[in-house]
Amino acid sequence: MKELAKRLKEYRYPALILALGLILMLLPGREKTGKPAAPAAEFDLAAFTRETENLLSRVRGAGEVRVLMTLEYLDGREYLQDLRETGDTRETETVLGSDRAPVVSRRQGPVFRGAVVLAEGGGSPRVALELKEALSSLTGLGMDRITVMQLSENH
């Protein structure tokens, strides 16, 4: 009996961890609700353009700024695909959620195609470069996709 008590004392921490693990395994798990995640906020191009014009007009020497941006696409979604291979044939099928809607595996925001910036100070090479750099940072557009021009006086 003393030998058993000595062994229990020696291995009490591993035994305690094992007992806690068993208890946690026996606890009922939380079930998934099957509800899709809340949709991301929709992109508002008009609001983004207004904020961009406000920001760019603060560049030293820019003056009043007007911006026009074109989009490649507004919302890119990739859906979860199930790949089935049987012999030489491969078939893919879009996975549907419990609400029978396709399951989105990846979502990408707007992708811009190009932009035109009209600014009172757009005739200055320094101002034009700063406006291009700022807009490139905001949109991910390359500098070759952004055109800066001087805003006419009778706009």
N, C-alpha and C. Protein backbone atom coordinates (compact mmCIF):
# COMPACT_ATOMS: atom_id res chain seq x y z
N MET A 1 0.83 -1.19 0.00
CA MET A 1 0.00 0.00 0.00
C MET A 1 0.87 1.26 0.00
N LYS A 2 1.96 1.20 0.75
CA LYS A 2 2.86 2.35 0.79
C LYS A 2 3.49 2.59 -0.58
N GLU A 3 3.76 1.48 -1.28
CA GLU A 3 4.35 1.60 -2.62
C GLU A 3 3.39 2.30 -3.57
N LEU A 4 2.08 1.97 -3.50
CA LEU A 4 1.07 2.60 -4.36
C LEU A 4 0.95 4.08 -4.03
N ALA A 5 0.95 4.42 -2.75
CA ALA A 5 0.86 5.82 -2.32
C ALA A 5 2.07 6.61 -2.81
N LYS A 6 3.24 5.96 -2.77
CA LYS A 6 4.46 6.63 -3.22
C LYS A 6 4.39 6.90 -4.73
N ARG A 7 3.91 5.94 -5.50
CA ARG A 7 3.79 6.11 -6.96
C ARG A 7 2.75 7.17 -7.31
N LEU A 8 1.62 7.19 -6.60
CA LEU A 8 0.59 8.21 -6.85
C LEU A 8 1.14 9.60 -6.58
N LYS A 9 1.91 9.72 -5.52
CA LYS A 9 2.49 11.01 -5.19
C LYS A 9 3.50 11.45 -6.25
N GLU A 10 4.24 10.48 -6.76
CA GLU A 10 5.26 10.77 -7.76
C GLU A 10 4.65 11.23 -9.09
N TYR A 11 3.52 10.65 -9.46
CA TYR A 11 2.88 10.95 -10.75
C TYR A 11 1.60 11.77 -10.61
N ARG A 12 1.47 12.53 -9.56
CA ARG A 12 0.20 13.24 -9.32
C ARG A 12 -0.07 14.32 -10.37
N TYR A 13 0.96 15.05 -10.83
CA TYR A 13 0.72 16.11 -11.82
C TYR A 13 0.34 15.55 -13.19
N PRO A 14 1.05 14.56 -13.70
CA PRO A 14 0.59 13.99 -14.97
C PRO A 14 -0.81 13.37 -14.87
N ALA A 15 -1.11 12.75 -13.72
CA ALA A 15 -2.44 12.16 -13.54
C ALA A 15 -3.51 13.25 -13.50
N LEU A 16 -3.20 14.37 -12.86
CA LEU A 16 -4.14 15.49 -12.78
C LEU A 16 -4.40 16.07 -14.17
N ILE A 17 -3.35 16.23 -14.96
CA ILE A 17 -3.50 16.75 -16.32
C ILE A 17 -4.32 15.78 -17.17
N LEU A 18 -4.07 14.49 -17.03
CA LEU A 18 -4.83 13.49 -17.77
C LEU A 18 -6.31 13.53 -17.37
N ALA A 19 -6.59 13.65 -16.08
CA ALA A 19 -7.98 13.70 -15.61
C ALA A 19 -8.69 14.95 -16.15
N LEU A 20 -8.00 16.08 -16.12
CA LEU A 20 -8.61 17.31 -16.64
C LEU A 20 -8.88 17.19 -18.14
N GLY A 21 -7.96 16.59 -18.88
CA GLY A 21 -8.16 16.39 -20.31
C GLY A 21 -9.37 15.52 -20.59
N LEU A 22 -9.54 14.45 -19.81
CA LEU A 22 -10.69 13.57 -19.98
C LEU A 22 -12.00 14.30 -19.68
N ILE A 23 -11.99 15.10 -18.65
CA ILE A 23 -13.19 15.87 -18.29
C ILE A 23 -13.55 16.84 -19.41
N LEU A 24 -12.53 17.55 -19.95
CA LEU A 24 -12.80 18.49 -21.04
C LEU A 24 -13.32 17.79 -22.29
N MET A 25 -12.83 16.59 -22.56
CA MET A 25 -13.32 15.84 -23.72
C MET A 25 -14.77 15.42 -23.55
N LEU A 26 -15.18 15.19 -22.31
CA LEU A 26 -16.54 14.72 -22.07
C LEU A 26 -17.56 15.85 -22.05
N LEU A 27 -17.09 17.08 -21.89
CA LEU A 27 -18.02 18.21 -21.87
C LEU A 27 -18.65 18.37 -23.26
N PRO A 28 -19.95 18.72 -23.31
CA PRO A 28 -20.57 18.91 -24.62
C PRO A 28 -19.98 20.14 -25.30
N GLY A 29 -19.72 20.01 -26.61
CA GLY A 29 -19.17 21.12 -27.38
C GLY A 29 -20.27 22.04 -27.86
N ARG A 30 -19.86 23.23 -28.21
CA ARG A 30 -20.83 24.18 -28.78
C ARG A 30 -21.02 23.85 -30.24
N GLU A 31 -22.26 23.82 -30.67
CA GLU A 31 -22.55 23.52 -32.06
C GLU A 31 -22.41 24.78 -32.89
N LYS A 32 -22.00 24.60 -34.13
CA LYS A 32 -21.93 25.73 -35.05
C LYS A 32 -23.34 26.10 -35.45
N THR A 33 -23.57 27.39 -35.58
CA THR A 33 -24.93 27.85 -35.91
C THR A 33 -25.24 27.72 -37.38
N GLY A 34 -24.20 27.67 -38.22
CA GLY A 34 -24.44 27.59 -39.65
C GLY A 34 -24.80 28.93 -40.27
N LYS A 35 -24.82 29.97 -39.45
CA LYS A 35 -25.14 31.29 -39.98
C LYS A 35 -23.90 31.87 -40.64
N PRO A 36 -24.06 32.50 -41.80
CA PRO A 36 -22.89 33.10 -42.45
C PRO A 36 -22.41 34.30 -41.64
N ALA A 37 -21.14 34.60 -41.81
CA ALA A 37 -20.59 35.77 -41.13
C ALA A 37 -21.27 37.02 -41.64
N ALA A 38 -21.30 38.03 -40.79
CA ALA A 38 -21.91 39.30 -41.20
C ALA A 38 -21.16 39.85 -42.40
N PRO A 39 -21.88 40.35 -43.40
CA PRO A 39 -21.20 40.86 -44.59
C PRO A 39 -20.35 42.07 -44.25
N ALA A 40 -19.23 42.18 -44.95
CA ALA A 40 -18.38 43.34 -44.77
C ALA A 40 -19.12 44.57 -45.27
N ALA A 41 -18.76 45.70 -44.71
CA ALA A 41 -19.41 46.94 -45.14
C ALA A 41 -19.19 47.13 -46.63
N GLU A 42 -20.24 47.54 -47.32
CA GLU A 42 -20.16 47.73 -48.76
C GLU A 42 -19.29 48.96 -49.06
N PHE A 43 -18.55 48.88 -50.14
CA PHE A 43 -17.69 49.97 -50.55
C PHE A 43 -18.53 51.05 -51.22
N ASP A 44 -18.34 52.29 -50.79
CA ASP A 44 -19.09 53.42 -51.33
C ASP A 44 -18.10 54.28 -52.13
N LEU A 45 -18.13 54.13 -53.46
CA LEU A 45 -17.19 54.84 -54.32
C LEU A 45 -17.36 56.35 -54.20
N ALA A 46 -18.60 56.83 -54.12
CA ALA A 46 -18.83 58.28 -54.03
C ALA A 46 -18.21 58.85 -52.75
N ALA A 47 -18.41 58.17 -51.63
CA ALA A 47 -17.84 58.63 -50.36
C ALA A 47 -16.31 58.56 -50.40
N PHE A 48 -15.79 57.48 -50.97
CA PHE A 48 -14.34 57.34 -51.09
C PHE A 48 -13.76 58.46 -51.96
N THR A 49 -14.45 58.79 -53.04
CA THR A 49 -13.99 59.87 -53.93
C THR A 49 -14.00 61.20 -53.20
N ARG A 50 -15.07 61.49 -52.44
CA ARG A 50 -15.13 62.75 -51.69
C ARG A 50 -13.99 62.84 -50.68
N GLU A 51 -13.75 61.77 -49.95
CA GLU A 51 -12.66 61.77 -48.97
C GLU A 51 -11.31 61.94 -49.65
N THR A 52 -11.15 61.30 -50.81
CA THR A 52 -9.90 61.41 -51.55
C THR A 52 -9.69 62.84 -52.04
N GLU A 53 -10.73 63.46 -52.59
CA GLU A 53 -10.63 64.85 -53.05
C GLU A 53 -10.28 65.76 -51.87
N ASN A 54 -10.90 65.55 -50.74
CA ASN A 54 -10.63 66.36 -49.55
C ASN A 54 -9.16 66.21 -49.13
N LEU A 55 -8.68 64.96 -49.13
CA LEU A 55 -7.30 64.71 -48.74
C LEU A 55 -6.32 65.34 -49.74
N LEU A 56 -6.54 65.10 -51.03
CA LEU A 56 -5.61 65.59 -52.04
C LEU A 56 -5.60 67.12 -52.12
N SER A 57 -6.72 67.75 -51.81
CA SER A 57 -6.76 69.22 -51.85
C SER A 57 -5.87 69.83 -50.76
N ARG A 58 -5.45 69.04 -49.80
CA ARG A 58 -4.58 69.53 -48.72
C ARG A 58 -3.10 69.44 -49.07
N VAL A 59 -2.79 68.83 -50.21
CA VAL A 59 -1.40 68.80 -50.66
C VAL A 59 -0.99 70.23 -50.98
N ARG A 60 0.18 70.65 -50.49
CA ARG A 60 0.62 72.03 -50.68
C ARG A 60 0.68 72.37 -52.16
N GLY A 61 -0.07 73.41 -52.55
CA GLY A 61 -0.07 73.89 -53.92
C GLY A 61 -1.13 73.24 -54.80
N ALA A 62 -1.87 72.24 -54.29
CA ALA A 62 -2.85 71.54 -55.12
C ALA A 62 -4.08 72.38 -55.38
N GLY A 63 -4.56 73.11 -54.38
CA GLY A 63 -5.79 73.89 -54.54
C GLY A 63 -6.99 72.97 -54.63
N GLU A 64 -8.00 73.41 -55.38
CA GLU A 64 -9.21 72.59 -55.55
C GLU A 64 -8.86 71.34 -56.36
N VAL A 65 -9.43 70.21 -55.94
CA VAL A 65 -9.12 68.93 -56.60
C VAL A 65 -10.41 68.21 -56.93
N ARG A 66 -10.46 67.66 -58.14
CA ARG A 66 -11.56 66.79 -58.56
C ARG A 66 -10.94 65.46 -58.99
N VAL A 67 -11.58 64.35 -58.62
CA VAL A 67 -11.04 63.02 -58.92
C VAL A 67 -12.11 62.17 -59.58
N LEU A 68 -11.70 61.44 -60.61
CA LEU A 68 -12.55 60.44 -61.22
C LEU A 68 -11.77 59.13 -61.23
N MET A 69 -12.37 58.08 -60.64
CA MET A 69 -11.72 56.78 -60.60
C MET A 69 -12.61 55.76 -61.28
N THR A 70 -11.99 54.87 -62.04
CA THR A 70 -12.74 53.79 -62.66
C THR A 70 -12.35 52.49 -61.97
N LEU A 71 -13.32 51.58 -61.92
CA LEU A 71 -13.12 50.31 -61.23
C LEU A 71 -13.03 49.16 -62.22
N GLU A 72 -12.13 48.23 -61.94
CA GLU A 72 -12.09 46.97 -62.69
C GLU A 72 -13.28 46.14 -62.24
N TYR A 73 -13.43 46.00 -60.92
CA TYR A 73 -14.63 45.42 -60.33
C TYR A 73 -14.75 45.91 -58.90
N LEU A 74 -15.96 45.91 -58.43
CA LEU A 74 -16.23 46.46 -57.10
C LEU A 74 -15.98 45.45 -55.99
N ASP A 75 -16.40 44.23 -56.19
CA ASP A 75 -16.29 43.24 -55.13
C ASP A 75 -15.92 41.89 -55.73
N GLY A 76 -14.72 41.46 -55.49
CA GLY A 76 -14.29 40.16 -56.00
C GLY A 76 -14.47 39.10 -54.93
N ARG A 77 -15.19 38.06 -55.25
CA ARG A 77 -15.40 36.97 -54.30
C ARG A 77 -14.95 35.66 -54.93
N GLU A 78 -14.29 34.85 -54.14
CA GLU A 78 -13.96 33.51 -54.57
C GLU A 78 -14.77 32.57 -53.70
N TYR A 79 -15.37 31.59 -54.34
CA TYR A 79 -16.22 30.66 -53.62
C TYR A 79 -15.49 29.35 -53.37
N LEU A 80 -15.82 28.73 -52.26
CA LEU A 80 -15.24 27.46 -51.89
C LEU A 80 -15.66 26.40 -52.90
N GLN A 81 -14.68 25.66 -53.42
CA GLN A 81 -14.94 24.66 -54.44
C GLN A 81 -14.61 23.27 -53.89
N ASP A 82 -15.43 22.30 -54.27
CA ASP A 82 -15.20 20.91 -53.91
C ASP A 82 -14.68 20.22 -55.17
N LEU A 83 -13.48 19.63 -55.09
CA LEU A 83 -12.87 18.97 -56.23
C LEU A 83 -13.07 17.47 -56.09
N ARG A 84 -13.61 16.86 -57.14
CA ARG A 84 -13.82 15.41 -57.15
C ARG A 84 -13.05 14.83 -58.32
N GLU A 85 -12.22 13.84 -58.02
CA GLU A 85 -11.45 13.18 -59.06
C GLU A 85 -11.86 11.71 -59.12
N THR A 86 -12.25 11.29 -60.29
CA THR A 86 -12.56 9.88 -60.51
C THR A 86 -11.85 9.46 -61.79
N GLY A 87 -10.82 8.66 -61.61
CA GLY A 87 -10.04 8.24 -62.77
C GLY A 87 -9.39 9.43 -63.44
N ASP A 88 -9.73 9.64 -64.71
CA ASP A 88 -9.14 10.74 -65.48
C ASP A 88 -9.97 12.01 -65.44
N THR A 89 -11.14 11.98 -64.82
CA THR A 89 -12.01 13.16 -64.82
C THR A 89 -11.89 13.91 -63.51
N ARG A 90 -11.94 15.22 -63.64
CA ARG A 90 -11.92 16.11 -62.47
C ARG A 90 -13.11 17.03 -62.58
N GLU A 91 -13.90 17.08 -61.51
CA GLU A 91 -15.07 17.95 -61.49
C GLU A 91 -14.99 18.85 -60.27
N THR A 92 -15.39 20.10 -60.46
CA THR A 92 -15.48 21.01 -59.32
C THR A 92 -16.92 21.43 -59.14
N GLU A 93 -17.26 21.62 -57.90
CA GLU A 93 -18.62 22.03 -57.57
C GLU A 93 -18.54 23.07 -56.46
N THR A 94 -19.31 24.14 -56.59
CA THR A 94 -19.32 25.18 -55.57
C THR A 94 -20.01 24.66 -54.32
N VAL A 95 -19.37 24.86 -53.17
CA VAL A 95 -19.91 24.40 -51.89
C VAL A 95 -20.98 25.38 -51.43
N LEU A 96 -22.13 24.84 -51.04
CA LEU A 96 -23.24 25.66 -50.55
C LEU A 96 -23.34 25.55 -49.04
N GLY A 97 -23.68 26.66 -48.40
CA GLY A 97 -23.87 26.67 -46.96
C GLY A 97 -25.26 26.17 -46.58
N SER A 98 -25.56 26.21 -45.30
CA SER A 98 -26.85 25.71 -44.82
C SER A 98 -28.02 26.53 -45.37
N ASP A 99 -27.75 27.77 -45.76
CA ASP A 99 -28.80 28.61 -46.33
C ASP A 99 -28.85 28.48 -47.86
N ARG A 100 -28.12 27.51 -48.40
CA ARG A 100 -28.07 27.19 -49.83
C ARG A 100 -27.37 28.28 -50.66
N ALA A 101 -26.68 29.20 -50.00
CA ALA A 101 -25.90 30.23 -50.69
C ALA A 101 -24.46 29.74 -50.80
N PRO A 102 -23.75 30.12 -51.86
CA PRO A 102 -22.35 29.70 -52.00
C PRO A 102 -21.51 30.20 -50.83
N VAL A 103 -20.57 29.37 -50.38
CA VAL A 103 -19.69 29.71 -49.28
C VAL A 103 -18.52 30.51 -49.84
N VAL A 104 -18.33 31.73 -49.33
CA VAL A 104 -17.25 32.60 -49.79
C VAL A 104 -15.97 32.20 -49.07
N SER A 105 -14.94 31.88 -49.86
CA SER A 105 -13.66 31.49 -49.26
C SER A 105 -12.70 32.67 -49.17
N ARG A 106 -12.86 33.64 -50.05
CA ARG A 106 -11.99 34.81 -50.03
C ARG A 106 -12.74 35.97 -50.64
N ARG A 107 -12.52 37.13 -50.06
CA ARG A 107 -13.19 38.33 -50.54
C ARG A 107 -12.16 39.42 -50.75
N GLN A 108 -12.26 40.10 -51.86
CA GLN A 108 -11.33 41.18 -52.16
C GLN A 108 -12.13 42.43 -52.45
N GLY A 109 -11.66 43.54 -51.91
CA GLY A 109 -12.36 44.80 -52.10
C GLY A 109 -12.24 45.32 -53.52
N PRO A 110 -12.56 46.56 -53.72
CA PRO A 110 -12.56 47.11 -55.08
C PRO A 110 -11.17 47.09 -55.70
N VAL A 111 -11.13 46.88 -57.00
CA VAL A 111 -9.89 46.95 -57.75
C VAL A 111 -10.05 48.09 -58.75
N PHE A 112 -9.18 49.07 -58.63
CA PHE A 112 -9.26 50.25 -59.48
C PHE A 112 -8.56 50.01 -60.81
N ARG A 113 -9.12 50.61 -61.86
CA ARG A 113 -8.54 50.50 -63.20
C ARG A 113 -7.65 51.71 -63.49
N GLY A 114 -8.12 52.89 -63.10
CA GLY A 114 -7.35 54.10 -63.37
C GLY A 114 -7.99 55.30 -62.69
N ALA A 115 -7.28 56.43 -62.75
CA ALA A 115 -7.80 57.65 -62.12
C ALA A 115 -7.30 58.87 -62.85
N VAL A 116 -8.16 59.88 -62.86
CA VAL A 116 -7.81 61.19 -63.40
C VAL A 116 -7.99 62.20 -62.27
N VAL A 117 -6.98 63.01 -62.07
CA VAL A 117 -7.02 64.04 -61.03
C VAL A 117 -6.92 65.40 -61.71
N LEU A 118 -7.90 66.24 -61.47
CA LEU A 118 -7.86 67.62 -61.94
C LEU A 118 -7.61 68.50 -60.72
N ALA A 119 -6.53 69.27 -60.75
CA ALA A 119 -6.19 70.10 -59.60
C ALA A 119 -5.75 71.48 -60.09
N GLU A 120 -6.10 72.50 -59.31
CA GLU A 120 -5.68 73.86 -59.67
C GLU A 120 -4.17 73.93 -59.83
N GLY A 121 -3.44 73.23 -58.98
CA GLY A 121 -1.98 73.24 -59.05
C GLY A 121 -1.41 72.08 -59.83
N GLY A 122 -2.25 71.38 -60.61
CA GLY A 122 -1.82 70.19 -61.34
C GLY A 122 -0.78 70.44 -62.41
N GLY A 123 -0.58 71.71 -62.79
CA GLY A 123 0.43 72.04 -63.79
C GLY A 123 1.84 72.00 -63.24
N SER A 124 1.98 72.00 -61.94
CA SER A 124 3.30 71.95 -61.30
C SER A 124 3.76 70.49 -61.22
N PRO A 125 4.97 70.20 -61.73
CA PRO A 125 5.46 68.82 -61.67
C PRO A 125 5.54 68.27 -60.24
N ARG A 126 5.94 69.12 -59.29
CA ARG A 126 6.04 68.67 -57.90
C ARG A 126 4.66 68.30 -57.35
N VAL A 127 3.68 69.16 -57.59
CA VAL A 127 2.32 68.90 -57.11
C VAL A 127 1.75 67.65 -57.79
N ALA A 128 1.95 67.55 -59.10
CA ALA A 128 1.44 66.39 -59.84
C ALA A 128 2.04 65.10 -59.29
N LEU A 129 3.34 65.10 -59.01
CA LEU A 129 3.99 63.91 -58.47
C LEU A 129 3.44 63.56 -57.08
N GLU A 130 3.27 64.56 -56.23
CA GLU A 130 2.75 64.30 -54.89
C GLU A 130 1.31 63.77 -54.95
N LEU A 131 0.50 64.32 -55.85
CA LEU A 131 -0.88 63.84 -55.99
C LEU A 131 -0.90 62.39 -56.49
N LYS A 132 -0.03 62.08 -57.46
CA LYS A 132 0.06 60.71 -57.96
C LYS A 132 0.50 59.74 -56.86
N GLU A 133 1.50 60.13 -56.10
CA GLU A 133 1.99 59.27 -55.02
C GLU A 133 0.91 59.02 -53.99
N ALA A 134 0.19 60.05 -53.61
CA ALA A 134 -0.86 59.90 -52.60
C ALA A 134 -1.98 59.00 -53.12
N LEU A 135 -2.42 59.25 -54.35
CA LEU A 135 -3.51 58.45 -54.91
C LEU A 135 -3.08 57.00 -55.14
N SER A 136 -1.84 56.81 -55.52
CA SER A 136 -1.32 55.45 -55.69
C SER A 136 -1.34 54.71 -54.35
N SER A 137 -0.96 55.38 -53.30
CA SER A 137 -0.98 54.76 -51.97
C SER A 137 -2.39 54.41 -51.52
N LEU A 138 -3.34 55.27 -51.83
CA LEU A 138 -4.72 55.04 -51.41
C LEU A 138 -5.40 53.92 -52.18
N THR A 139 -5.10 53.81 -53.48
CA THR A 139 -5.86 52.91 -54.34
C THR A 139 -5.11 51.66 -54.77
N GLY A 140 -3.78 51.67 -54.65
CA GLY A 140 -3.00 50.56 -55.15
C GLY A 140 -2.71 50.65 -56.64
N LEU A 141 -3.13 51.75 -57.25
CA LEU A 141 -2.85 51.95 -58.68
C LEU A 141 -1.38 52.28 -58.89
N GLY A 142 -0.84 51.80 -60.02
CA GLY A 142 0.50 52.20 -60.40
C GLY A 142 0.48 53.64 -60.87
N MET A 143 1.62 54.29 -60.80
CA MET A 143 1.70 55.70 -61.20
C MET A 143 1.30 55.88 -62.67
N ASP A 144 1.50 54.85 -63.51
CA ASP A 144 1.15 54.95 -64.92
C ASP A 144 -0.35 54.89 -65.14
N ARG A 145 -1.13 54.58 -64.12
CA ARG A 145 -2.58 54.50 -64.23
C ARG A 145 -3.27 55.75 -63.67
N ILE A 146 -2.47 56.72 -63.27
CA ILE A 146 -3.00 57.97 -62.70
C ILE A 146 -2.56 59.13 -63.57
N THR A 147 -3.52 59.94 -64.01
CA THR A 147 -3.23 61.14 -64.81
C THR A 147 -3.59 62.37 -63.98
N VAL A 148 -2.65 63.30 -63.88
CA VAL A 148 -2.90 64.56 -63.17
C VAL A 148 -2.86 65.68 -64.18
N MET A 149 -3.90 66.51 -64.15
CA MET A 149 -4.01 67.64 -65.08
C MET A 149 -4.39 68.89 -64.29
N GLN A 150 -4.11 70.03 -64.92
CA GLN A 150 -4.48 71.29 -64.28
C GLN A 150 -5.96 71.54 -64.49
N LEU A 151 -6.64 71.92 -63.43
CA LEU A 151 -8.06 72.24 -63.46
C LEU A 151 -8.23 73.58 -64.17
N SER A 152 -9.18 73.64 -65.11
CA SER A 152 -9.38 74.89 -65.85
C SER A 152 -9.98 75.94 -64.93
N GLU A 153 -9.77 77.20 -65.27
CA GLU A 153 -10.23 78.30 -64.44
C GLU A 153 -11.73 78.46 -64.49
N ASN A 154 -12.39 78.05 -65.55
CA ASN A 154 -13.85 78.23 -65.66
C ASN A 154 -14.55 76.87 -65.48
N HIS A 155 -14.31 76.26 -64.37
CA HIS A 155 -14.92 74.96 -64.07
C HIS A 155 -16.23 75.25 -63.42
